[in-house]
Protein backbone atom coordinates (compact mmCIF):
# COMPACT_ATOMS: atom_id res chain seq x y z
CA MET A 1 -61.55 122.78 -117.65
CA SER A 2 -63.69 120.33 -119.60
CA GLY A 3 -66.00 119.26 -116.78
CA GLU A 4 -64.42 115.81 -116.67
CA PRO A 5 -63.57 114.48 -113.20
CA PRO A 6 -59.82 114.26 -112.51
CA LYS A 7 -58.18 110.92 -113.25
CA ILE A 8 -56.45 109.25 -110.29
CA PRO A 9 -54.63 106.18 -111.63
CA LYS A 10 -54.68 102.85 -109.82
CA GLY A 11 -51.57 102.54 -107.63
CA SER A 12 -51.41 106.27 -106.83
CA ILE A 13 -50.76 107.42 -103.28
CA VAL A 14 -53.12 110.24 -102.28
CA LEU A 15 -54.00 112.18 -99.11
CA ILE A 16 -57.65 111.78 -98.11
CA TRP A 17 -59.81 112.54 -95.08
CA PHE A 18 -60.89 109.35 -93.27
CA PRO A 19 -63.69 109.66 -90.68
CA PHE A 20 -63.44 108.12 -87.23
CA THR A 21 -65.73 105.13 -86.68
CA ASP A 22 -68.24 107.22 -84.73
CA PHE A 23 -68.01 110.10 -87.28
CA SER A 24 -67.03 112.51 -84.47
CA ASP A 25 -63.98 113.73 -86.40
CA LYS A 26 -61.71 112.90 -89.30
CA LYS A 27 -58.00 112.47 -89.97
CA LEU A 28 -55.93 113.20 -93.07
CA ARG A 29 -54.13 110.00 -94.08
CA PRO A 30 -52.19 108.61 -97.02
CA ALA A 31 -54.16 106.12 -99.08
CA LEU A 32 -53.49 103.73 -101.97
CA VAL A 33 -55.86 103.93 -104.96
CA LEU A 34 -57.16 100.42 -105.72
CA PHE A 35 -59.72 101.29 -108.41
CA GLU A 36 -60.57 104.41 -110.37
CA GLY A 37 -63.93 104.66 -112.14
CA TYR A 38 -65.72 107.51 -113.91
CA LEU A 39 -67.12 109.16 -110.76
CA ASP A 40 -65.67 107.07 -107.94
CA VAL A 41 -62.39 105.91 -106.50
CA THR A 42 -61.76 102.96 -104.16
CA VAL A 43 -58.91 103.52 -101.70
CA VAL A 44 -57.38 101.86 -98.66
CA TYR A 45 -55.62 103.89 -96.01
CA ILE A 46 -51.95 103.29 -95.26
CA SER A 47 -50.80 102.88 -91.68
CA GLY A 48 -47.52 101.91 -90.08
CA GLU A 49 -49.28 100.97 -86.87
CA ILE A 50 -49.65 97.24 -86.16
CA PRO A 51 -52.76 96.51 -84.06
CA LEU A 52 -52.53 94.28 -81.00
CA CYS A 53 -54.27 91.11 -82.09
CA SER A 54 -53.54 87.58 -83.23
CA PRO A 55 -50.67 87.48 -85.78
CA GLU A 56 -52.60 84.85 -87.75
CA THR A 57 -55.06 87.54 -88.88
CA PHE A 58 -52.48 89.46 -90.92
CA ASP A 59 -50.13 88.75 -93.81
CA PHE A 60 -46.97 90.73 -93.13
CA ILE A 61 -44.81 91.76 -96.06
CA TYR A 62 -41.12 92.16 -95.34
CA PRO A 63 -39.01 94.24 -97.76
CA SER A 64 -36.28 91.58 -97.98
CA LYS A 65 -38.80 89.11 -99.42
CA TRP A 66 -39.61 91.55 -102.23
CA HIS A 67 -36.06 91.07 -103.47
CA GLY A 68 -36.08 87.28 -103.29
CA LYS A 69 -34.26 87.02 -99.95
CA GLU A 70 -35.67 85.21 -96.94
CA GLU A 71 -35.12 86.54 -93.42
């Protein structure tokens, strides 16, 4: 072990503890690595849950559009 922090490449899927808003507990969730620096990593958690709010606030990505097909 050389003392270097582990490298977590951009685009990796990792499991990380995310705290609840009130910091009363935490939950292990999958996350996407957006940026990896020398001593820090920026991630965004992945969720399949769609919140109940105005559809105009989200950009939905449909798998068929990834392949050039429209629904």
